[in-house]
Structures are given as C-alpha cells and as structure tokens.
Amino acid sequence: MRSTTEGVLYHLPVTDQPRKPFRLALRKAETSADRARDLRSNQTPPEGVLWSRLRRKQLDGLRFRRQYPIGPYIADFYCHEATLIVEVDSKHHVGGESARHDRARDHWMRERRLEVLRVSVTDIAADMDAVLRRILAVARSRTGSQEPPPPSHSV
C-alpha cells in the first residue's frame, strides 16, 4: 500500500492486524494538590522531625497542616488559626535563585496577611525545643493568646 503526502511517497506496512487508533499521550497538568501529595510522601528528614512535633495539635493545641497548597505555592507547614506558615530552609535557600524565589513567595504571603517563619535544618537538628518555642511565640502573638491552655484532667 502506498500513500503520498505533499508529494512524498511513503510505504505503509501491510499487515493482517487491525490498526489501533492513534492517540497522543497527553500528560495531565499537575495540580497544586498533586504536588503537595507528592511532597508529603517525599519529605526531607528535618521536615519529618518537625512534623512529628507539630502534628495532632501537640504544640499548644494548634493544628498544623503539612505541605499545604496556598495560591500558587505550597507551604511546608500551615496553621490556619494563627495564619502562620513555617518553612524549613536548607543551605540552598541562602543565595541565588532560591533566595529570590523565597523573597517573592514571602511577599505574596504577607500581602495576604500570612506570616512566614523560616527555620533552618541546622536549627532543627541542633535544638528542636528552641525551634518549637519560636514557632509557639509567633503563633501566640498572631492569635492573641499569651497563656498556655490549662492542662486537661481526665475524670
């Protein structure tokens, strides 16, 4: 069987098999939720350590969400009650393109009255309790709560 396209002759194979319909493999555009899900399943060790101390309202009863989509960005940790974003920064956030991206992202968040608190992986490794005290201090200042909640007693 011969076919021509724009004056060029093509030889098409003749087979007894029926031809499968031609389909383009189109990749679905990745959404923020898909990206956040991927980040949650591939967290860094420092993020995992911090998450183990923030999850399940362990920090003063505040609920944090992990890898939470906010607009075009994904926050490492987000507390809605305190409108607080906690970002874990490694060495590559110090200079260059990553630092410019972080500044633009922080500006975008602050325009929406979200506070961004950056903690380094070094601080998490060296003194987790100090990191948690810092997060709690910022969260309390944002919620207006200065006193820790009273201890709950089971009856």
Protein backbone atom coordinates (compact mmCIF):
# COMPACT_ATOMS: atom_id res chain seq x y z
CA MET A 1 0.00 0.00 0.00
CA ARG A 2 1.33 3.41 -0.91
CA SER A 3 0.37 6.79 0.38
CA THR A 4 1.51 10.23 -0.59
CA THR A 5 1.65 13.38 1.46
CA GLU A 6 2.79 16.63 -0.11
CA GLY A 7 4.47 14.81 -2.98
CA VAL A 8 6.46 12.43 -0.73
CA LEU A 9 5.85 8.72 -1.23
CA TYR A 10 5.55 6.59 1.92
CA HIS A 11 5.47 2.83 2.08
CA LEU A 12 3.00 1.73 4.74
CA PRO A 13 3.32 -1.80 6.08
CA VAL A 14 0.61 -4.20 5.05
CA THR A 15 -0.45 -6.46 7.92
CA ASP A 16 -3.37 -8.66 8.77
CA GLN A 17 -3.68 -6.99 12.16
CA PRO A 18 -6.28 -4.25 12.55
CA ARG A 19 -4.73 -0.86 13.22
CA LYS A 20 -5.05 0.56 16.67
CA PRO A 21 -6.38 4.07 16.85
CA PHE A 22 -3.68 6.68 17.09
CA ARG A 23 -3.74 8.51 20.41
CA LEU A 24 -1.46 11.17 21.67
CA ALA A 25 -0.17 10.58 25.15
CA LEU A 26 -1.21 13.76 26.87
CA ARG A 27 0.09 14.34 30.36
CA LYS A 28 -2.43 15.79 32.73
CA ALA A 29 -1.25 19.07 34.16
CA GLU A 30 -0.12 18.61 37.72
CA THR A 31 -2.25 20.50 40.23
CA SER A 32 -1.09 22.03 43.50
CA ALA A 33 -2.88 19.24 45.36
CA ASP A 34 -0.99 16.61 43.33
CA ARG A 35 2.31 18.36 44.01
CA ALA A 36 1.53 18.70 47.73
CA ARG A 37 0.66 15.00 47.93
CA ASP A 38 3.97 14.16 46.28
CA LEU A 39 5.88 16.43 48.68
CA ARG A 40 4.15 14.83 51.69
CA SER A 41 5.24 11.38 50.60
CA ASN A 42 8.81 12.57 49.94
CA GLN A 43 9.51 14.85 52.88
CA THR A 44 13.05 15.60 53.99
CA PRO A 45 14.29 14.18 57.31
CA PRO A 46 14.22 17.62 59.05
CA GLU A 47 10.63 18.16 57.85
CA GLY A 48 9.72 14.73 59.22
CA VAL A 49 11.25 15.50 62.60
CA LEU A 50 9.45 18.85 62.83
CA TRP A 51 6.16 17.34 61.64
CA SER A 52 6.38 14.68 64.37
CA ARG A 53 6.26 17.53 66.93
CA LEU A 54 3.62 19.70 65.20
CA ARG A 55 1.07 17.08 64.18
CA ARG A 56 -2.05 16.17 66.15
CA LYS A 57 -2.21 19.55 67.90
CA GLN A 58 0.84 18.76 70.05
CA LEU A 59 2.02 22.38 70.05
CA ASP A 60 -0.34 24.28 72.37
CA GLY A 61 -3.40 22.75 70.70
CA LEU A 62 -2.62 24.41 67.35
CA ARG A 63 -3.49 22.44 64.25
CA PHE A 64 -0.79 22.44 61.59
CA ARG A 65 -1.20 21.12 58.08
CA ARG A 66 1.76 19.68 56.19
CA GLN A 67 2.64 20.63 52.57
CA TYR A 68 -0.47 22.79 52.29
CA PRO A 69 -1.32 24.48 48.95
CA ILE A 70 -1.85 28.24 49.26
CA GLY A 71 -2.43 30.02 45.97
CA PRO A 72 0.40 29.19 43.58
CA TYR A 73 2.64 28.00 46.45
CA ILE A 74 2.85 25.06 48.83
CA ALA A 75 3.68 25.81 52.45
CA ASP A 76 5.80 23.30 54.37
CA PHE A 77 3.57 23.75 57.44
CA TYR A 78 0.50 25.94 57.84
CA CYS A 79 -1.58 26.87 60.89
CA HIS A 80 -4.89 28.45 59.86
CA GLU A 81 -5.76 29.68 63.36
CA ALA A 82 -2.53 31.69 63.57
CA THR A 83 -2.30 32.43 59.83
CA LEU A 84 1.26 31.17 60.17
CA ILE A 85 3.43 29.42 57.62
CA VAL A 86 6.55 27.61 58.79
CA GLU A 87 9.16 26.98 56.09
CA VAL A 88 12.09 24.62 56.59
CA ASP A 89 15.15 26.01 54.80
CA SER A 90 18.25 24.11 53.81
CA LYS A 91 21.57 25.52 52.56
CA HIS A 92 20.29 26.04 49.01
CA HIS A 93 17.85 28.73 50.24
CA VAL A 94 20.72 31.04 51.26
CA GLY A 95 21.56 32.67 47.93
CA GLY A 96 20.90 32.79 44.24
CA GLU A 97 17.66 31.90 42.50
CA SER A 98 16.18 30.06 45.51
CA ALA A 99 16.60 33.12 47.72
CA ARG A 100 14.90 35.36 45.13
CA HIS A 101 12.04 32.88 44.83
CA ASP A 102 11.69 32.76 48.63
CA ARG A 103 11.54 36.58 48.86
CA ALA A 104 8.86 36.76 46.16
CA ARG A 105 6.90 33.98 47.85
CA ASP A 106 7.17 35.61 51.28
CA HIS A 107 5.99 38.93 49.81
CA TRP A 108 3.00 37.21 48.19
CA MET A 109 2.10 35.53 51.50
CA ARG A 110 2.46 38.71 53.56
CA GLU A 111 0.21 40.59 51.12
CA ARG A 112 -2.44 38.09 52.18
CA ARG A 113 -1.70 38.65 55.88
CA LEU A 114 0.07 35.33 56.31
CA GLU A 115 3.16 35.35 58.50
CA VAL A 116 6.11 33.32 57.18
CA LEU A 117 8.54 31.93 59.72
CA ARG A 118 11.68 30.36 58.28
CA VAL A 119 13.61 27.79 60.30
CA SER A 120 16.84 26.21 59.17
CA VAL A 121 17.55 22.49 59.09
CA THR A 122 20.60 23.26 61.25
CA ASP A 123 18.39 24.77 63.97
CA ILE A 124 16.05 21.77 63.84
CA ALA A 125 18.97 19.37 64.26
CA ALA A 126 20.71 21.44 66.95
CA ASP A 127 17.81 22.48 69.21
CA MET A 128 14.31 21.34 68.32
CA ASP A 129 12.86 22.72 71.56
CA ALA A 130 14.12 26.22 70.71
CA VAL A 131 12.54 25.94 67.24
CA LEU A 132 9.22 24.90 68.79
CA ARG A 133 9.37 27.77 71.32
CA ARG A 134 9.96 30.19 68.44
CA ILE A 135 7.03 28.79 66.43
CA LEU A 136 4.80 28.93 69.51
CA ALA A 137 5.79 32.52 70.32
CA VAL A 138 4.92 33.69 66.80
CA ALA A 139 1.67 31.69 66.79
CA ARG A 140 0.62 33.13 70.14
CA SER A 141 1.37 36.67 69.00
CA ARG A 142 -0.79 36.05 65.91
CA THR A 143 -3.73 34.57 67.84
CA GLY A 144 -3.56 36.98 70.76
CA SER A 145 -3.05 34.09 73.18
CA GLN A 146 -0.28 34.70 75.69
CA GLU A 147 -1.09 31.97 78.17
CA PRO A 148 -0.80 28.27 77.53
CA PRO A 149 -4.15 26.44 77.80
CA PRO A 150 -4.95 24.89 81.19
CA PRO A 151 -3.99 21.23 81.48
CA SER A 152 -6.85 18.86 80.78
CA HIS A 153 -7.67 16.38 83.52
CA SER A 154 -9.39 13.13 82.69
CA VAL A 155 -12.20 12.24 85.04
